Amino acid sequence: MPPPVIEVEIPKAVNVIVSEDTLAVDLSDGRTISVPLAWYPRLLHASADERKNWRLIGKGQGVHWQELDEDISVDGLLLGKASGESQASFKKWLSARKK
């Protein structure tokens, strides 16, 4: 007999706070996930105003920063996954910002 299937409901993001060194996401189940901003170089190099300009996407499944072209999923935060962007892509993005 196969083992029982356990369904896990992933909580949704309900609020986001970005400081100079931390990304904190409040979840619908009452937890707050906090990770180093260094995990997300685009956020790390953004201005304070750009960091504040976020919106929830997918009914709270993730967070999007339009000006930075950055998306972070709750799943990724819960799994402890840092940005998967390549160094080449990030350097191209950063170079374009300095123009």
PDB file of N, CA and C in Angstrom:
ATOM      1  N   MET A   1       0.849  -1.170   0.000  1.00  0.00           N
ATOM      2  CA  MET A   1       0.000   0.000   0.000  1.00  0.00           C
ATOM      3  C   MET A   1       0.901   1.241   0.000  1.00  0.00           C
ATOM      4  N   PRO A   2       0.620   2.185  -0.901  1.00  0.00           N
ATOM      5  CA  PRO A   2       1.449   3.403  -0.948  1.00  0.00           C
ATOM      6  C   PRO A   2       1.220   4.262   0.295  1.00  0.00           C
ATOM      7  N   PRO A   3       2.239   5.034   0.660  1.00  0.00           N
ATOM      8  CA  PRO A   3       2.071   5.910   1.822  1.00  0.00           C
ATOM      9  C   PRO A   3       1.007   6.962   1.540  1.00  0.00           C
ATOM     10  N   PRO A   4       0.382   7.476   2.574  1.00  0.00           N
ATOM     11  CA  PRO A   4      -0.651   8.495   2.362  1.00  0.00           C
ATOM     12  C   PRO A   4      -0.033   9.776   1.786  1.00  0.00           C
ATOM     13  N   VAL A   5      -0.802  10.445   0.968  1.00  0.00           N
ATOM     14  CA  VAL A   5      -0.360  11.704   0.382  1.00  0.00           C
ATOM     15  C   VAL A   5      -0.711  12.820   1.356  1.00  0.00           C
ATOM     16  N   ILE A   6       0.299  13.591   1.694  1.00  0.00           N
ATOM     17  CA  ILE A   6       0.085  14.720   2.597  1.00  0.00           C
ATOM     18  C   ILE A   6       0.089  15.997   1.765  1.00  0.00           C
ATOM     19  N   GLU A   7      -1.003  16.696   1.815  1.00  0.00           N
ATOM     20  CA  GLU A   7      -1.088  17.954   1.081  1.00  0.00           C
ATOM     21  C   GLU A   7      -0.696  19.089   1.999  1.00  0.00           C
ATOM     22  N   VAL A   8       0.220  19.911   1.517  1.00  0.00           N
ATOM     23  CA  VAL A   8       0.694  21.050   2.281  1.00  0.00           C
ATOM     24  C   VAL A   8       0.277  22.318   1.564  1.00  0.00           C
ATOM     25  N   GLU A   9      -0.369  23.200   2.277  1.00  0.00           N
ATOM     26  CA  GLU A   9      -0.758  24.475   1.682  1.00  0.00           C
ATOM     27  C   GLU A   9       0.349  25.488   1.936  1.00  0.00           C
ATOM     28  N   ILE A  10       0.875  26.037   0.872  1.00  0.00           N
ATOM     29  CA  ILE A  10       1.923  27.041   0.980  1.00  0.00           C
ATOM     30  C   ILE A  10       1.266  28.364   1.390  1.00  0.00           C
ATOM     31  N   PRO A  11       1.768  28.997   2.449  1.00  0.00           N
ATOM     32  CA  PRO A  11       1.178  30.282   2.855  1.00  0.00           C
ATOM     33  C   PRO A  11       1.429  31.349   1.794  1.00  0.00           C
ATOM     34  N   LYS A  12       0.663  32.392   1.850  1.00  0.00           N
ATOM     35  CA  LYS A  12       0.780  33.503   0.904  1.00  0.00           C
ATOM     36  C   LYS A  12       1.515  34.663   1.568  1.00  0.00           C
ATOM     37  N   ALA A  13       2.177  35.472   0.756  1.00  0.00           N
ATOM     38  CA  ALA A  13       2.787  36.705   1.239  1.00  0.00           C
ATOM     39  C   ALA A  13       1.677  37.711   1.491  1.00  0.00           C
ATOM     40  N   VAL A  14       1.788  38.447   2.590  1.00  0.00           N
ATOM     41  CA  VAL A  14       0.794  39.483   2.884  1.00  0.00           C
ATOM     42  C   VAL A  14       1.431  40.857   3.044  1.00  0.00           C
ATOM     43  N   ASN A  15       2.736  40.908   3.301  1.00  0.00           N
ATOM     44  CA  ASN A  15       3.431  42.187   3.442  1.00  0.00           C
ATOM     45  C   ASN A  15       4.919  41.963   3.212  1.00  0.00           C
ATOM     46  N   VAL A  16       5.588  43.025   2.783  1.00  0.00           N
ATOM     47  CA  VAL A  16       7.021  42.956   2.493  1.00  0.00           C
ATOM     48  C   VAL A  16       7.708  44.174   3.107  1.00  0.00           C
ATOM     49  N   ILE A  17       8.844  43.925   3.738  1.00  0.00           N
ATOM     50  CA  ILE A  17       9.672  45.011   4.262  1.00  0.00           C
ATOM     51  C   ILE A  17      11.095  44.750   3.790  1.00  0.00           C
ATOM     52  N   VAL A  18      11.673  45.758   3.132  1.00  0.00           N
ATOM     53  CA  VAL A  18      13.039  45.636   2.644  1.00  0.00           C
ATOM     54  C   VAL A  18      13.876  46.708   3.335  1.00  0.00           C
ATOM     55  N   SER A  19      14.867  46.267   4.104  1.00  0.00           N
ATOM     56  CA  SER A  19      15.783  47.206   4.749  1.00  0.00           C
ATOM     57  C   SER A  19      17.066  47.263   3.927  1.00  0.00           C
ATOM     58  N   GLU A  20      18.096  47.887   4.472  1.00  0.00           N
ATOM     59  CA  GLU A  20      19.363  47.982   3.750  1.00  0.00           C
ATOM     60  C   GLU A  20      20.056  46.639   3.600  1.00  0.00           C
ATOM     61  N   ASP A  21      19.729  45.673   4.486  1.00  0.00           N
ATOM     62  CA  ASP A  21      20.421  44.389   4.426  1.00  0.00           C
ATOM     63  C   ASP A  21      19.526  43.161   4.551  1.00  0.00           C
ATOM     64  N   THR A  22      18.195  43.368   4.625  1.00  0.00           N
ATOM     65  CA  THR A  22      17.292  42.242   4.851  1.00  0.00           C
ATOM     66  C   THR A  22      16.000  42.377   4.044  1.00  0.00           C
ATOM     67  N   LEU A  23      15.536  41.240   3.538  1.00  0.00           N
ATOM     68  CA  LEU A  23      14.209  41.140   2.942  1.00  0.00           C
ATOM     69  C   LEU A  23      13.363  40.334   3.915  1.00  0.00           C
ATOM     70  N   ALA A  24      12.274  40.914   4.381  1.00  0.00           N
ATOM     71  CA  ALA A  24      11.363  40.222   5.298  1.00  0.00           C
ATOM     72  C   ALA A  24       9.981  40.152   4.656  1.00  0.00           C
ATOM     73  N   VAL A  25       9.411  38.953   4.618  1.00  0.00           N
ATOM     74  CA  VAL A  25       8.094  38.752   4.024  1.00  0.00           C
ATOM     75  C   VAL A  25       7.185  38.141   5.086  1.00  0.00           C
ATOM     76  N   ASP A  26       6.114  38.861   5.403  1.00  0.00           N
ATOM     77  CA  ASP A  26       5.105  38.356   6.330  1.00  0.00           C
ATOM     78  C   ASP A  26       4.192  37.410   5.570  1.00  0.00           C
ATOM     79  N   LEU A  27       3.912  36.262   6.177  1.00  0.00           N
ATOM     80  CA  LEU A  27       3.094  35.236   5.538  1.00  0.00           C
ATOM     81  C   LEU A  27       1.710  35.137   6.169  1.00  0.00           C
ATOM     82  N   SER A  28       0.781  34.587   5.413  1.00  0.00           N
ATOM     83  CA  SER A  28      -0.606  34.467   5.854  1.00  0.00           C
ATOM     84  C   SER A  28      -0.782  33.550   7.058  1.00  0.00           C
ATOM     85  N   ASP A  29       0.204  32.698   7.350  1.00  0.00           N
ATOM     86  CA  ASP A  29       0.088  31.803   8.506  1.00  0.00           C
ATOM     87  C   ASP A  29       0.713  32.396   9.768  1.00  0.00           C
ATOM     88  N   GLY A  30       1.117  33.669   9.700  1.00  0.00           N
ATOM     89  CA  GLY A  30       1.659  34.342  10.880  1.00  0.00           C
ATOM     90  C   GLY A  30       3.175  34.378  10.951  1.00  0.00           C
ATOM     91  N   ARG A  31       3.849  33.613  10.114  1.00  0.00           N
ATOM     92  CA  ARG A  31       5.316  33.632  10.114  1.00  0.00           C
ATOM     93  C   ARG A  31       5.834  34.822   9.329  1.00  0.00           C
ATOM     94  N   THR A  32       7.083  35.170   9.616  1.00  0.00           N
ATOM     95  CA  THR A  32       7.821  36.136   8.813  1.00  0.00           C
ATOM     96  C   THR A  32       9.108  35.457   8.383  1.00  0.00           C
ATOM     97  N   ILE A  33       9.336  35.438   7.082  1.00  0.00           N
ATOM     98  CA  ILE A  33      10.569  34.873   6.526  1.00  0.00           C
ATOM     99  C   ILE A  33      11.510  36.041   6.284  1.00  0.00           C
ATOM    100  N   SER A  34      12.706  35.946   6.841  1.00  0.00           N
ATOM    101  CA  SER A  34      13.696  37.001   6.696  1.00  0.00           C
ATOM    102  C   SER A  34      14.969  36.405   6.098  1.00  0.00           C
ATOM    103  N   VAL A  35      15.456  37.033   5.031  1.00  0.00           N
ATOM    104  CA  VAL A  35      16.659  36.545   4.350  1.00  0.00           C
ATOM    105  C   VAL A  35      17.591  37.712   4.082  1.00  0.00           C
ATOM    106  N   PRO A  36      18.882  37.429   3.924  1.00  0.00           N
ATOM    107  CA  PRO A  36      19.830  38.508   3.613  1.00  0.00           C
ATOM    108  C   PRO A  36      19.541  39.116   2.241  1.00  0.00           C
ATOM    109  N   LEU A  37      19.595  40.422   2.161  1.00  0.00           N
ATOM    110  CA  LEU A  37      19.365  41.092   0.893  1.00  0.00           C
ATOM    111  C   LEU A  37      20.417  40.697  -0.136  1.00  0.00           C
ATOM    112  N   ALA A  38      21.584  40.291   0.326  1.00  0.00           N
ATOM    113  CA  ALA A  38      22.657  39.855  -0.576  1.00  0.00           C
ATOM    114  C   ALA A  38      22.225  38.670  -1.441  1.00  0.00           C
ATOM    115  N   TRP A  39      21.189  37.940  -1.030  1.00  0.00           N
ATOM    116  CA  TRP A  39      20.675  36.838  -1.841  1.00  0.00           C
ATOM    117  C   TRP A  39      20.053  37.334  -3.139  1.00  0.00           C
ATOM    118  N   TYR A  40      19.659  38.606  -3.166  1.00  0.00           N
ATOM    119  CA  TYR A  40      18.968  39.181  -4.317  1.00  0.00           C
ATOM    120  C   TYR A  40      19.695  40.458  -4.741  1.00  0.00           C
ATOM    121  N   PRO A  41      20.723  40.320  -5.579  1.00  0.00           N
ATOM    122  CA  PRO A  41      21.575  41.457  -5.936  1.00  0.00           C
ATOM    123  C   PRO A  41      20.823  42.668  -6.504  1.00  0.00           C
ATOM    124  N   ARG A  42      19.751  42.440  -7.234  1.00  0.00           N
ATOM    125  CA  ARG A  42      19.018  43.586  -7.776  1.00  0.00           C
ATOM    126  C   ARG A  42      18.410  44.414  -6.651  1.00  0.00           C
ATOM    127  N   LEU A  43      17.895  43.760  -5.633  1.00  0.00           N
ATOM    128  CA  LEU A  43      17.368  44.496  -4.483  1.00  0.00           C
ATOM    129  C   LEU A  43      18.497  45.161  -3.703  1.00  0.00           C
ATOM    130  N   LEU A  44      19.607  44.472  -3.590  1.00  0.00           N
ATOM    131  CA  LEU A  44      20.756  45.010  -2.857  1.00  0.00           C
ATOM    132  C   LEU A  44      21.247  46.307  -3.487  1.00  0.00           C
ATOM    133  N   HIS A  45      21.228  46.391  -4.818  1.00  0.00           N
ATOM    134  CA  HIS A  45      21.725  47.566  -5.524  1.00  0.00           C
ATOM    135  C   HIS A  45      20.636  48.599  -5.825  1.00  0.00           C
ATOM    136  N   ALA A  46      19.435  48.357  -5.367  1.00  0.00           N
ATOM    137  CA  ALA A  46      18.322  49.275  -5.614  1.00  0.00           C
ATOM    138  C   ALA A  46      18.318  50.414  -4.605  1.00  0.00           C
ATOM    139  N   SER A  47      17.654  51.484  -4.983  1.00  0.00           N
ATOM    140  CA  SER A  47      17.466  52.594  -4.042  1.00  0.00           C
ATOM    141  C   SER A  47      16.375  52.212  -3.040  1.00  0.00           C
ATOM    142  N   ALA A  48      16.306  52.961  -1.960  1.00  0.00           N
ATOM    143  CA  ALA A  48      15.262  52.711  -0.947  1.00  0.00           C
ATOM    144  C   ALA A  48      13.876  52.848  -1.570  1.00  0.00           C
ATOM    145  N   ASP A  49      13.697  53.841  -2.437  1.00  0.00           N
ATOM    146  CA  ASP A  49      12.397  54.021  -3.089  1.00  0.00           C
ATOM    147  C   ASP A  49      12.053  52.847  -3.994  1.00  0.00           C
ATOM    148  N   GLU A  50      13.036  52.343  -4.732  1.00  0.00           N
ATOM    149  CA  GLU A  50      12.792  51.190  -5.603  1.00  0.00           C
ATOM    150  C   GLU A  50      12.437  49.955  -4.781  1.00  0.00           C
ATOM    151  N   ARG A  51      13.089  49.775  -3.653  1.00  0.00           N
ATOM    152  CA  ARG A  51      12.799  48.623  -2.787  1.00  0.00           C
ATOM    153  C   ARG A  51      11.390  48.675  -2.235  1.00  0.00           C
ATOM    154  N   LYS A  52      10.881  49.871  -2.003  1.00  0.00           N
ATOM    155  CA  LYS A  52       9.529  50.032  -1.449  1.00  0.00           C
ATOM    156  C   LYS A  52       8.441  49.819  -2.496  1.00  0.00           C
ATOM    157  N   ASN A  53       8.803  49.868  -3.764  1.00  0.00           N
ATOM    158  CA  ASN A  53       7.833  49.799  -4.854  1.00  0.00           C
ATOM    159  C   ASN A  53       7.619  48.351  -5.300  1.00  0.00           C
ATOM    160  N   TRP A  54       6.967  47.578  -4.472  1.00  0.00           N
ATOM    161  CA  TRP A  54       6.692  46.171  -4.752  1.00  0.00           C
ATOM    162  C   TRP A  54       5.184  45.955  -4.817  1.00  0.00           C
ATOM    163  N   ARG A  55       4.815  44.795  -5.386  1.00  0.00           N
ATOM    164  CA  ARG A  55       3.405  44.374  -5.352  1.00  0.00           C
ATOM    165  C   ARG A  55       3.365  42.860  -5.259  1.00  0.00           C
ATOM    166  N   LEU A  56       2.300  42.366  -4.652  1.00  0.00           N
ATOM    167  CA  LEU A  56       2.105  40.918  -4.565  1.00  0.00           C
ATOM    168  C   LEU A  56       1.623  40.411  -5.917  1.00  0.00           C
ATOM    169  N   ILE A  57       2.088  39.238  -6.290  1.00  0.00           N
ATOM    170  CA  ILE A  57       1.641  38.610  -7.533  1.00  0.00           C
ATOM    171  C   ILE A  57       1.109  37.209  -7.228  1.00  0.00           C
ATOM    172  N   GLY A  58       0.270  36.708  -8.104  1.00  0.00           N
ATOM    173  CA  GLY A  58      -0.282  35.366  -7.923  1.00  0.00           C
ATOM    174  C   GLY A  58      -1.048  35.207  -6.628  1.00  0.00           C
ATOM    175  N   LYS A  59      -1.803  36.245  -6.262  1.00  0.00           N
ATOM    176  CA  LYS A  59      -2.585  36.217  -5.018  1.00  0.00           C
ATOM    177  C   LYS A  59      -1.702  35.937  -3.798  1.00  0.00           C
ATOM    178  N   GLY A  60      -0.485  36.485  -3.819  1.00  0.00           N
ATOM    179  CA  GLY A  60       0.424  36.339  -2.687  1.00  0.00           C
ATOM    180  C   GLY A  60       1.433  35.218  -2.821  1.00  0.00           C
ATOM    181  N   GLN A  61       1.485  34.580  -3.995  1.00  0.00           N
ATOM    182  CA  GLN A  61       2.476  33.518  -4.196  1.00  0.00           C
ATOM    183  C   GLN A  61       3.874  34.080  -4.370  1.00  0.00           C
ATOM    184  N   GLY A  62       3.953  35.367  -4.651  1.00  0.00           N
ATOM    185  CA  GLY A  62       5.255  35.983  -4.850  1.00  0.00           C
ATOM    186  C   GLY A  62       5.180  37.487  -4.758  1.00  0.00           C
ATOM    187  N   VAL A  63       6.353  38.096  -4.931  1.00  0.00           N
ATOM    188  CA  VAL A  63       6.488  39.549  -4.859  1.00  0.00           C
ATOM    189  C   VAL A  63       7.200  40.013  -6.126  1.00  0.00           C
ATOM    190  N   HIS A  64       6.748  41.134  -6.663  1.00  0.00           N
ATOM    191  CA  HIS A  64       7.318  41.673  -7.905  1.00  0.00           C
ATOM    192  C   HIS A  64       7.728  43.129  -7.699  1.00  0.00           C
ATOM    193  N   TRP A  65       8.925  43.465  -8.206  1.00  0.00           N
ATOM    194  CA  TRP A  65       9.427  44.836  -8.243  1.00  0.00           C
ATOM    195  C   TRP A  65       9.535  45.223  -9.714  1.00  0.00           C
ATOM    196  N   GLN A  66       8.602  46.031 -10.186  1.00  0.00           N
ATOM    197  CA  GLN A  66       8.529  46.411 -11.600  1.00  0.00           C
ATOM    198  C   GLN A  66       9.802  47.099 -12.073  1.00  0.00           C
ATOM    199  N   GLU A  67      10.266  48.113 -11.354  1.00  0.00           N
ATOM    200  CA  GLU A  67      11.432  48.892 -11.786  1.00  0.00           C
ATOM    201  C   GLU A  67      12.708  48.051 -11.839  1.00  0.00           C
ATOM    202  N   LEU A  68      12.752  47.011 -11.029  1.00  0.00           N
ATOM    203  CA  LEU A  68      13.959  46.184 -10.934  1.00  0.00           C
ATOM    204  C   LEU A  68      13.867  44.910 -11.756  1.00  0.00           C
ATOM    205  N   ASP A  69      12.689  44.621 -12.300  1.00  0.00           N
ATOM    206  CA  ASP A  69      12.435  43.376 -13.025  1.00  0.00           C
ATOM    207  C   ASP A  69      12.820  42.176 -12.149  1.00  0.00           C
ATOM    208  N   GLU A  70      12.350  42.203 -10.900  1.00  0.00           N
ATOM    209  CA  GLU A  70      12.677  41.162  -9.910  1.00  0.00           C
ATOM    210  C   GLU A  70      11.396  40.509  -9.413  1.00  0.00           C
ATOM    211  N   ASP A  71      11.382  39.187  -9.397  1.00  0.00           N
ATOM    212  CA  ASP A  71      10.273  38.410  -8.854  1.00  0.00           C
ATOM    213  C   ASP A  71      10.841  37.415  -7.858  1.00  0.00           C
ATOM    214  N   ILE A  72      10.210  37.329  -6.681  1.00  0.00           N
ATOM    215  CA  ILE A  72      10.643  36.375  -5.657  1.00  0.00           C
ATOM    216  C   ILE A  72       9.411  35.619  -5.183  1.00  0.00           C
ATOM    217  N   SER A  73       9.493  34.293  -5.209  1.00  0.00           N
ATOM    218  CA  SER A  73       8.348  33.474  -4.813  1.00  0.00           C
ATOM    219  C   SER A  73       8.421  33.105  -3.331  1.00  0.00           C
ATOM    220  N   VAL A  74       7.262  32.924  -2.746  1.00  0.00           N
ATOM    221  CA  VAL A  74       7.197  32.449  -1.365  1.00  0.00           C
ATOM    222  C   VAL A  74       7.820  31.059  -1.279  1.00  0.00           C
ATOM    223  N   ASP A  75       7.544  30.204  -2.275  1.00  0.00           N
ATOM    224  CA  ASP A  75       8.149  28.867  -2.302  1.00  0.00           C
ATOM    225  C   ASP A  75       9.669  28.961  -2.193  1.00  0.00           C
ATOM    226  N   GLY A  76      10.270  29.830  -2.996  1.00  0.00           N
ATOM    227  CA  GLY A  76      11.722  29.992  -2.980  1.00  0.00           C
ATOM    228  C   GLY A  76      12.232  30.469  -1.639  1.00  0.00           C
ATOM    229  N   LEU A  77      11.521  31.403  -1.027  1.00  0.00           N
ATOM    230  CA  LEU A  77      11.919  31.889   0.301  1.00  0.00           C
ATOM    231  C   LEU A  77      11.867  30.761   1.325  1.00  0.00           C
ATOM    232  N   LEU A  78      10.780  29.998   1.296  1.00  0.00           N
ATOM    233  CA  LEU A  78      10.629  28.898   2.259  1.00  0.00           C
ATOM    234  C   LEU A  78      11.701  27.825   2.073  1.00  0.00           C
ATOM    235  N   LEU A  79      12.152  27.646   0.829  1.00  0.00           N
ATOM    236  CA  LEU A  79      13.188  26.654   0.539  1.00  0.00           C
ATOM    237  C   LEU A  79      14.596  27.208   0.738  1.00  0.00           C
ATOM    238  N   GLY A  80      14.703  28.501   1.034  1.00  0.00           N
ATOM    239  CA  GLY A  80      16.013  29.105   1.241  1.00  0.00           C
ATOM    240  C   GLY A  80      16.795  29.299  -0.035  1.00  0.00           C
ATOM    241  N   LYS A  81      16.085  29.542  -1.137  1.00  0.00           N
ATOM    242  CA  LYS A  81      16.748  29.696  -2.432  1.00  0.00           C
ATOM    243  C   LYS A  81      17.075  31.165  -2.696  1.00  0.00           C
ATOM    244  N   ALA A  82      18.328  31.420  -2.964  1.00  0.00           N
ATOM    245  CA  ALA A  82      18.749  32.760  -3.355  1.00  0.00           C
ATOM    246  C   ALA A  82      18.440  32.964  -4.834  1.00  0.00           C
ATOM    247  N   SER A  83      18.705  34.164  -5.322  1.00  0.00           N
ATOM    248  CA  SER A  83      18.473  34.468  -6.737  1.00  0.00           C
ATOM    249  C   SER A  83      19.206  33.473  -7.620  1.00  0.00           C
ATOM    250  N   GLY A  84      18.559  33.066  -8.686  1.00  0.00           N
ATOM    251  CA  GLY A  84      19.185  32.151  -9.633  1.00  0.00           C
ATOM    252  C   GLY A  84      19.741  32.872 -10.844  1.00  0.00           C
ATOM    253  N   GLU A  85      19.752  34.202 -10.788  1.00  0.00           N
ATOM    254  CA  GLU A  85      20.233  34.981 -11.929  1.00  0.00           C
ATOM    255  C   GLU A  85      21.732  34.781 -12.127  1.00  0.00           C
ATOM    256  N   SER A  86      22.131  34.632 -13.363  1.00  0.00           N
ATOM    257  CA  SER A  86      23.551  34.451 -13.661  1.00  0.00           C
ATOM    258  C   SER A  86      24.310  35.758 -13.436  1.00  0.00           C
ATOM    259  N   GLN A  87      25.600  35.635 -13.197  1.00  0.00           N
ATOM    260  CA  GLN A  87      26.436  36.821 -13.023  1.00  0.00           C
ATOM    261  C   GLN A  87      26.433  37.676 -14.282  1.00  0.00           C
ATOM    262  N   ALA A  88      26.451  37.043 -15.447  1.00  0.00           N
ATOM    263  CA  ALA A  88      26.443  37.782 -16.702  1.00  0.00           C
ATOM    264  C   ALA A  88      25.166  38.616 -16.834  1.00  0.00           C
ATOM    265  N   SER A  89      24.031  38.020 -16.519  1.00  0.00           N
ATOM    266  CA  SER A  89      22.759  38.735 -16.596  1.00  0.00           C
ATOM    267  C   SER A  89      22.723  39.888 -15.604  1.00  0.00           C
ATOM    268  N   PHE A  90      23.182  39.641 -14.384  1.00  0.00           N
ATOM    269  CA  PHE A  90      23.178  40.695 -13.374  1.00  0.00           C
ATOM    270  C   PHE A  90      24.098  41.841 -13.778  1.00  0.00           C
ATOM    271  N   LYS A  91      25.291  41.524 -14.270  1.00  0.00           N
ATOM    272  CA  LYS A  91      26.238  42.572 -14.676  1.00  0.00           C
ATOM    273  C   LYS A  91      25.670  43.410 -15.815  1.00  0.00           C
ATOM    274  N   LYS A  92      24.977  42.772 -16.752  1.00  0.00           N
ATOM    275  CA  LYS A  92      24.343  43.495 -17.853  1.00  0.00           C
ATOM    276  C   LYS A  92      23.277  44.443 -17.312  1.00  0.00           C
ATOM    277  N   TRP A  93      22.458  43.958 -16.380  1.00  0.00           N
ATOM    278  CA  TRP A  93      21.406  44.778 -15.767  1.00  0.00           C
ATOM    279  C   TRP A  93      22.022  45.954 -15.012  1.00  0.00           C
ATOM    280  N   LEU A  94      23.048  45.689 -14.220  1.00  0.00           N
ATOM    281  CA  LEU A  94      23.691  46.722 -13.421  1.00  0.00           C
ATOM    282  C   LEU A  94      24.344  47.776 -14.319  1.00  0.00           C
ATOM    283  N   SER A  95      24.973  47.329 -15.375  1.00  0.00           N
ATOM    284  CA  SER A  95      25.607  48.244 -16.317  1.00  0.00           C
ATOM    285  C   SER A  95      24.576  49.165 -16.965  1.00  0.00           C
ATOM    286  N   ALA A  96      23.430  48.643 -17.314  1.00  0.00           N
ATOM    287  CA  ALA A  96      22.366  49.429 -17.932  1.00  0.00           C
ATOM    288  C   ALA A  96      21.810  50.477 -16.953  1.00  0.00           C
ATOM    289  N   ARG A  97      21.831  50.204 -15.682  1.00  0.00           N
ATOM    290  CA  ARG A  97      21.346  51.154 -14.659  1.00  0.00           C
ATOM    291  C   ARG A  97      22.268  52.356 -14.528  1.00  0.00           C
ATOM    292  N   LYS A  98      23.529  52.177 -14.779  1.00  0.00           N
ATOM    293  CA  LYS A  98      24.506  53.243 -14.575  1.00  0.00           C
ATOM    294  C   LYS A  98      24.536  54.242 -15.728  1.00  0.00           C
ATOM    295  N   LYS A  99      23.811  53.973 -16.775  1.00  0.00           N
ATOM    296  CA  LYS A  99      23.811  54.865 -17.946  1.00  0.00           C
ATOM    297  C   LYS A  99      22.920  56.059 -17.743  1.00  0.00           C
TER     298      LYS A  99
END
